[in-house]
Protein backbone atom coordinates (compact mmCIF):
# COMPACT_ATOMS: atom_id res chain seq x y z
CA VAL A 1 4.84 13.88 7.77
CA GLN A 2 7.09 10.93 7.10
CA LEU A 3 6.08 7.57 5.71
CA GLN A 4 8.39 4.60 5.91
CA ALA A 5 7.49 1.61 3.76
CA SER A 6 9.13 -1.75 4.29
CA GLY A 7 8.68 -5.46 3.74
CA GLY A 8 9.44 -5.87 0.06
CA GLY A 9 11.63 -8.60 -1.31
CA LEU A 10 12.12 -11.37 -3.84
CA VAL A 11 9.60 -14.19 -3.71
CA GLN A 12 8.29 -16.90 -5.97
CA ALA A 13 4.88 -16.97 -7.58
CA GLY A 14 2.28 -18.13 -5.09
CA ASP A 15 4.19 -16.83 -2.08
CA SER A 16 3.08 -14.13 0.36
CA LEU A 17 4.57 -10.89 1.63
CA ARG A 18 3.42 -8.30 4.13
CA LEU A 19 4.29 -4.69 3.52
CA SER A 20 4.26 -2.13 6.31
CA CYS A 21 4.00 1.63 6.24
CA ALA A 22 4.81 3.52 9.41
CA ALA A 23 3.63 7.12 9.59
CA SER A 24 5.12 9.80 11.81
CA GLY A 25 5.32 13.53 12.21
CA GLY A 26 1.63 14.31 12.23
CA ARG A 27 -1.80 13.55 13.57
CA PHE A 28 -3.42 10.90 11.44
CA SER A 29 -7.00 10.72 12.59
CA ASN A 30 -9.25 11.26 9.55
CA TYR A 31 -6.40 10.49 7.18
CA VAL A 32 -6.57 7.81 4.52
CA MET A 33 -3.66 5.55 3.70
CA GLY A 34 -3.27 4.20 0.22
CA TRP A 35 -0.97 1.66 -1.32
CA PHE A 36 0.12 2.19 -4.91
CA ARG A 37 2.53 0.39 -7.16
CA GLN A 38 4.61 1.22 -10.17
CA ALA A 39 6.14 -1.32 -12.49
CA PRO A 40 8.96 -0.41 -14.88
CA GLY A 41 7.65 1.58 -17.81
CA LYS A 42 4.16 1.84 -16.35
CA GLU A 43 2.21 4.49 -14.52
CA ARG A 44 1.68 4.40 -10.81
CA GLU A 45 -1.56 2.60 -9.99
CA PHE A 46 -3.84 2.27 -7.02
CA VAL A 47 -3.71 -1.01 -5.11
CA ALA A 48 -5.70 -0.51 -1.91
CA GLY A 49 -6.82 2.16 0.52
CA ILE A 50 -8.12 2.33 4.06
CA THR A 51 -9.58 5.06 6.20
CA TRP A 52 -7.65 5.65 9.38
CA SER A 53 -10.45 5.46 11.89
CA GLY A 54 -13.48 4.05 10.10
CA GLY A 55 -11.97 0.90 8.66
CA PHE A 56 -13.39 1.44 5.17
CA THR A 57 -11.31 -0.34 2.57
CA ASN A 58 -11.13 -0.25 -1.19
CA TYR A 59 -9.19 -2.48 -3.55
CA ALA A 60 -8.18 -2.50 -7.17
CA ASP A 61 -9.89 -5.30 -9.04
CA PHE A 62 -6.63 -7.05 -9.83
CA VAL A 63 -5.87 -7.65 -6.12
CA LYS A 64 -9.31 -8.45 -4.75
CA GLY A 65 -9.27 -11.70 -2.87
CA ARG A 66 -5.47 -11.82 -2.76
CA PHE A 67 -4.41 -8.66 -0.90
CA ARG A 68 -5.70 -7.29 2.36
CA ILE A 69 -5.07 -3.85 3.79
CA SER A 70 -5.25 -3.29 7.54
CA ARG A 71 -4.07 -0.79 10.10
CA ASN A 72 -2.83 -0.52 13.65
CA ASN A 73 -3.75 2.94 14.87
CA ALA A 74 -1.73 2.60 18.06
CA LYS A 75 1.39 2.20 15.93
CA ASN A 76 0.35 4.58 13.12
CA THR A 77 1.08 1.72 10.78
CA VAL A 78 -0.77 0.32 7.81
CA TYR A 79 -0.13 -3.11 6.36
CA LEU A 80 -0.65 -4.74 3.00
CA GLN A 81 -0.86 -8.50 3.21
CA MET A 82 -0.19 -9.90 -0.24
CA ASN A 83 -1.04 -13.53 -0.92
CA SER A 84 -0.89 -15.66 -4.05
CA LEU A 85 1.60 -13.30 -5.60
CA LYS A 86 2.00 -13.31 -9.35
CA PRO A 87 4.90 -12.17 -11.53
CA GLU A 88 2.74 -9.28 -12.72
CA ASP A 89 2.65 -8.00 -9.13
CA THR A 90 6.32 -7.10 -9.50
CA ALA A 91 6.66 -3.38 -8.84
CA VAL A 92 7.81 -0.76 -6.40
CA TYR A 93 5.07 -0.38 -3.82
CA TYR A 94 4.42 3.02 -2.28
CA CYS A 95 2.30 4.14 0.62
CA ALA A 96 0.68 7.54 0.62
CA VAL A 97 -1.59 9.66 2.79
CA ARG A 98 -4.47 11.98 2.03
CA TRP A 99 -7.33 13.56 3.92
CA LYS A 100 -10.42 11.62 4.81
CA VAL A 101 -11.64 9.89 1.61
CA VAL A 102 -10.07 6.99 -0.25
CA ASP A 103 -9.25 8.02 -3.81
CA ARG A 104 -7.69 5.95 -6.54
CA SER A 105 -5.81 8.81 -8.15
CA PRO A 106 -2.21 9.17 -6.98
CA ASN A 107 -2.46 12.89 -7.67
CA LYS A 108 -4.88 13.23 -4.76
CA TYR A 109 -2.36 12.08 -2.16
CA ASP A 110 -0.28 14.55 -0.21
CA TYR A 111 2.57 12.56 1.29
CA TRP A 112 4.47 9.58 -0.03
CA GLY A 113 6.83 7.00 1.32
CA GLN A 114 10.01 6.03 -0.46
CA GLY A 115 8.73 2.77 -1.89
CA THR A 116 9.66 -0.85 -1.36
CA LEU A 117 10.47 -3.23 -4.19
CA VAL A 118 8.50 -6.43 -4.62
CA THR A 119 9.83 -8.92 -7.15
CA VAL A 120 7.87 -12.07 -7.93
CA SER A 121 9.63 -14.74 -9.94
CA SER A 122 7.79 -17.33 -11.99
């Protein structure tokens, strides 16, 4: 299984970005996709998750109302639309896959993408 994350960049506070994560090399029905982030000196934290077929979503409290996770099953791709970005959203964003149930613990995920850097300037 390979995960390719993209879409990061340098933006100003209040701007938007859309991250993408393309999955390949496996069958992804019943798999969950999660987005995590890790800022310098901090632990990796859960951002959002979505079930592959059922459309169930879950968000960390600090992104509710600003970020939206979605998927395109035909393309095996999951997106993270990030609006109203804040400097504290600066981090490397990772996508990851696990079986069936959204979980907020990064240790529960089996495959990881390489990460894409998001930098938000004030």
